[in-house]
Amino acid sequence: MNNFDIDTVMAELEKHFTQVRTPVVDQIQIQTKDPFKVLVTTILSARTKDETTSQAAKKLFEKVKNIDDLEKISAEELDSIIHQVGFHNAKTKYLKQLPSVLKEKFGGKIPSEIDELLQLPGVGRKTANLVRAIAFSLPAICVDVHVHRICNRWGYVQTKTPYETEMELRKILPERYWLTFNSYVVAFGQNLCTPRKPKCNQCPIYNQCARIGVKE
């Protein structure tokens, strides 16, 4: 889009972000500053609403504070704690595998490089990028369903998959915005730019959007 100004958009999204509930993974980072808990929360959050993820993470971290605790807890107890999150059986399996992989490959520490994070069970590109950006404050672009959908809705990219969106954003999004882009866009997508019936009449960047003139 010719009229799309990413600096204006990011300034408005930052204002919006400060006025709404912080996404759950950002909350965990603010509260704990612990890459292990950020990673675990990110795994739990896949295809799960933030409120549900937050409740599950709170219960889990009362018993599991590090990889040793995660190694010791039984799969049955772990699954009973996180049962409300989506795909809890698979996530229980991934989390139980996590301590041994971390110890064998990374000395028991959470790695910060994308290629290394991708070696962990249950970690895809979205999770790897999110953990790198939020837990370590290192340049990364996390593209989830919100980011993919909204960037295409804006007309900022024209892509068919989240992976294509990530690759395109790496080319066009100024690196100064990489760390905050996911958090800001996710908050925006959860509160205003919703999948169905987006609140265009409340949108602070509507004049930047390809949806101008689109009827609901």
Protein backbone atom coordinates (compact mmCIF):
# COMPACT_ATOMS: atom_id res chain seq x y z
CA MET A 1 0.00 0.00 0.00
CA ASN A 2 1.31 3.40 -0.93
CA ASN A 3 -0.16 5.15 2.10
CA PHE A 4 0.99 2.58 4.69
CA ASP A 5 3.43 4.20 7.12
CA ILE A 6 4.90 1.61 9.47
CA ASP A 7 6.27 4.29 11.83
CA THR A 8 2.79 5.78 12.30
CA VAL A 9 1.29 2.32 12.71
CA MET A 10 3.80 1.22 15.33
CA ALA A 11 3.41 4.45 17.30
CA GLU A 12 -0.35 3.93 17.47
CA LEU A 13 -0.03 0.23 18.29
CA GLU A 14 2.34 1.08 21.14
CA LYS A 15 -0.26 3.45 22.61
CA HIS A 16 -2.94 0.79 22.27
CA PHE A 17 -0.69 -1.85 23.84
CA THR A 18 -0.30 0.20 27.03
CA GLN A 19 -4.08 0.43 27.40
CA VAL A 20 -5.01 -3.25 27.14
CA ARG A 21 -4.17 -6.52 28.84
CA THR A 22 -0.62 -7.63 28.10
CA PRO A 23 -0.33 -10.93 26.15
CA VAL A 24 0.37 -13.85 28.48
CA VAL A 25 3.93 -14.61 27.35
CA ASP A 26 4.93 -10.98 27.84
CA GLN A 27 3.33 -11.11 31.30
CA ILE A 28 5.45 -14.12 32.27
CA GLN A 29 8.62 -12.37 31.11
CA ILE A 30 7.76 -9.23 33.07
CA GLN A 31 6.92 -11.26 36.19
CA THR A 32 9.76 -13.81 36.14
CA LYS A 33 12.56 -12.76 33.76
CA ASP A 34 13.01 -16.52 33.35
CA PRO A 35 13.61 -17.96 29.83
CA PHE A 36 12.52 -21.42 31.04
CA LYS A 37 9.10 -20.14 32.12
CA VAL A 38 8.76 -18.06 28.96
CA LEU A 39 9.45 -21.15 26.86
CA VAL A 40 7.02 -23.35 28.79
CA THR A 41 4.29 -20.70 28.67
CA THR A 42 4.79 -20.27 24.93
CA ILE A 43 4.40 -24.02 24.39
CA LEU A 44 1.24 -24.01 26.51
CA SER A 45 -0.19 -21.03 24.63
CA ALA A 46 -0.37 -22.66 21.20
CA ARG A 47 -4.02 -22.71 20.01
CA THR A 48 -5.15 -21.66 23.47
CA LYS A 49 -6.71 -18.43 24.70
CA ASP A 50 -4.47 -16.23 26.84
CA GLU A 51 -6.75 -16.44 29.89
CA THR A 52 -6.64 -20.23 29.84
CA THR A 53 -2.88 -20.28 29.28
CA SER A 54 -2.36 -17.86 32.16
CA GLN A 55 -4.39 -20.05 34.55
CA ALA A 56 -2.53 -23.20 33.51
CA ALA A 57 0.88 -21.54 33.75
CA LYS A 58 0.12 -20.19 37.22
CA LYS A 59 -0.84 -23.64 38.48
CA LEU A 60 2.13 -25.29 36.81
CA PHE A 61 4.73 -22.86 38.13
CA GLU A 62 3.53 -23.42 41.68
CA LYS A 63 5.07 -26.91 41.35
CA VAL A 64 7.49 -26.64 38.44
CA LYS A 65 10.05 -23.85 38.82
CA ASN A 66 12.91 -25.23 36.70
CA ILE A 67 13.86 -28.08 34.40
CA ASP A 68 14.68 -30.38 37.33
CA ASP A 69 11.15 -29.97 38.68
CA LEU A 70 9.77 -30.62 35.20
CA GLU A 71 11.86 -33.78 34.95
CA LYS A 72 10.62 -35.07 38.31
CA ILE A 73 6.90 -34.41 37.92
CA SER A 74 4.96 -37.36 36.52
CA ALA A 75 3.30 -37.10 33.13
CA GLU A 76 -0.04 -37.85 34.78
CA GLU A 77 0.26 -35.00 37.27
CA LEU A 78 1.57 -32.63 34.62
CA ASP A 79 -1.33 -33.41 32.31
CA SER A 80 -3.84 -32.91 35.12
CA ILE A 81 -2.41 -29.44 35.77
CA ILE A 82 -2.46 -28.27 32.14
CA HIS A 83 -5.51 -30.22 30.97
CA GLN A 84 -7.49 -27.09 30.09
CA VAL A 85 -5.08 -25.92 27.39
CA GLY A 86 -5.55 -27.00 23.79
CA PHE A 87 -3.83 -30.25 22.76
CA HIS A 88 -2.79 -30.88 26.38
CA ASN A 89 -1.78 -34.49 25.72
CA ALA A 90 0.77 -33.49 23.09
CA LYS A 91 2.03 -30.60 25.22
CA THR A 92 2.49 -32.92 28.20
CA LYS A 93 4.59 -35.17 25.99
CA TYR A 94 6.71 -32.26 24.73
CA LEU A 95 7.25 -30.82 28.19
CA LYS A 96 8.31 -34.18 29.62
CA GLN A 97 10.86 -34.55 26.83
CA LEU A 98 12.20 -31.04 27.31
CA PRO A 99 14.54 -31.50 30.33
CA SER A 100 16.54 -34.35 28.80
CA VAL A 101 16.98 -32.52 25.48
CA LEU A 102 18.05 -29.33 27.24
CA LYS A 103 20.57 -31.19 29.40
CA GLU A 104 21.97 -33.33 26.59
CA LYS A 105 22.30 -30.58 23.98
CA PHE A 106 22.47 -27.26 25.82
CA GLY A 107 23.83 -27.87 29.30
CA GLY A 108 20.43 -27.44 30.89
CA LYS A 109 20.02 -23.87 29.63
CA ILE A 110 17.45 -22.42 27.24
CA PRO A 111 19.22 -21.53 23.98
CA SER A 112 18.64 -18.17 22.33
CA GLU A 113 19.39 -19.03 18.69
CA ILE A 114 16.51 -19.96 16.39
CA ASP A 115 18.19 -23.08 14.97
CA GLU A 116 18.90 -24.35 18.49
CA LEU A 117 15.42 -23.57 19.81
CA LEU A 118 13.94 -25.50 16.89
CA GLN A 119 15.66 -28.62 18.21
CA LEU A 120 13.48 -28.57 21.34
CA PRO A 121 10.31 -30.70 21.49
CA GLY A 122 7.14 -28.78 20.68
CA VAL A 123 9.01 -25.76 19.34
CA GLY A 124 8.27 -24.47 15.84
CA ARG A 125 9.30 -21.21 14.21
CA LYS A 126 6.60 -19.16 15.94
CA THR A 127 7.63 -20.37 19.40
CA ALA A 128 11.35 -20.07 18.66
CA ASN A 129 11.04 -16.50 17.45
CA LEU A 130 8.81 -15.49 20.34
CA VAL A 131 11.15 -16.96 22.95
CA ARG A 132 14.19 -15.32 21.32
CA ALA A 133 12.50 -11.92 21.20
CA ILE A 134 10.76 -11.89 24.56
CA ALA A 135 13.05 -13.96 26.78
CA PHE A 136 16.35 -12.72 25.38
CA SER A 137 15.50 -9.37 23.72
CA LEU A 138 17.23 -10.51 20.54
CA PRO A 139 16.04 -9.65 17.01
CA ALA A 140 13.31 -12.03 15.87
CA ILE A 141 9.96 -11.81 14.10
CA CYS A 142 7.31 -14.07 15.55
CA VAL A 143 4.42 -14.64 13.16
CA ASP A 144 1.33 -16.25 14.63
CA VAL A 145 -2.20 -16.30 13.22
CA HIS A 146 -2.84 -12.73 14.41
CA VAL A 147 0.28 -11.31 12.77
CA HIS A 148 -0.26 -13.22 9.53
CA ARG A 149 -3.91 -12.25 9.29
CA ILE A 150 -3.52 -8.60 10.25
CA CYS A 151 -0.48 -7.85 8.10
CA ASN A 152 -2.39 -9.16 5.10
CA ARG A 153 -5.53 -7.30 6.13
CA TRP A 154 -3.52 -4.07 6.31
CA GLY A 155 -2.06 -4.78 2.90
CA TYR A 156 1.45 -4.55 4.37
CA VAL A 157 2.20 -8.01 2.95
CA GLN A 158 0.46 -10.28 0.48
CA THR A 159 1.26 -13.80 1.63
CA LYS A 160 -0.48 -17.15 1.98
CA THR A 161 1.22 -18.68 5.03
CA PRO A 162 2.71 -17.49 8.33
CA TYR A 163 6.14 -18.62 7.12
CA GLU A 164 5.84 -16.47 4.00
CA THR A 165 4.74 -13.57 6.20
CA GLU A 166 7.77 -13.99 8.44
CA MET A 167 10.14 -14.03 5.48
CA GLU A 168 8.51 -10.96 3.95
CA LEU A 169 8.54 -9.04 7.23
CA ARG A 170 12.23 -9.81 7.59
CA LYS A 171 12.72 -7.92 4.34
CA ILE A 172 10.46 -4.90 4.91
CA LEU A 173 9.96 -4.40 8.67
CA PRO A 174 12.59 -2.09 10.20
CA GLU A 175 14.63 -4.09 12.71
CA ARG A 176 13.93 -1.54 15.45
CA TYR A 177 10.38 -2.95 15.55
CA TRP A 178 11.18 -6.65 15.53
CA LEU A 179 11.16 -7.14 19.31
CA THR A 180 7.78 -5.51 19.91
CA PHE A 181 5.94 -6.25 16.67
CA ASN A 182 4.35 -9.54 17.74
CA SER A 183 3.26 -8.26 21.16
CA TYR A 184 1.74 -5.09 19.74
CA VAL A 185 -0.02 -6.79 16.84
CA VAL A 186 -1.34 -9.67 18.98
CA ALA A 187 -2.82 -7.23 21.50
CA PHE A 188 -4.31 -5.26 18.60
CA GLY A 189 -5.75 -8.43 17.06
CA GLN A 190 -7.26 -9.64 20.31
CA ASN A 191 -8.96 -6.35 21.13
CA LEU A 192 -9.69 -4.41 17.92
CA CYS A 193 -8.65 -6.12 14.69
CA THR A 194 -10.53 -9.32 15.46
CA PRO A 195 -10.92 -12.09 12.84
CA ARG A 196 -14.63 -11.43 12.42
CA LYS A 197 -16.26 -8.03 12.63
CA PRO A 198 -13.12 -6.00 13.40
CA LYS A 199 -13.84 -2.80 15.31
CA CYS A 200 -12.84 -0.50 12.45
CA ASN A 201 -14.78 2.42 13.94
CA GLN A 202 -12.44 2.29 16.98
CA CYS A 203 -9.25 1.60 15.05
CA PRO A 204 -6.48 4.20 15.51
CA ILE A 205 -4.83 3.23 12.22
CA TYR A 206 -7.90 2.76 10.03
CA ASN A 207 -6.68 5.39 7.53
CA GLN A 208 -3.60 3.19 6.95
CA CYS A 209 -5.56 0.04 6.24
CA ALA A 210 -6.49 -1.71 3.01
CA ARG A 211 -9.94 -2.30 4.53
CA ILE A 212 -10.99 1.33 3.99
CA GLY A 213 -14.38 1.21 2.31
CA VAL A 214 -14.92 -2.50 3.01
CA LYS A 215 -18.40 -3.22 4.36
CA GLU A 216 -18.93 -5.78 7.10
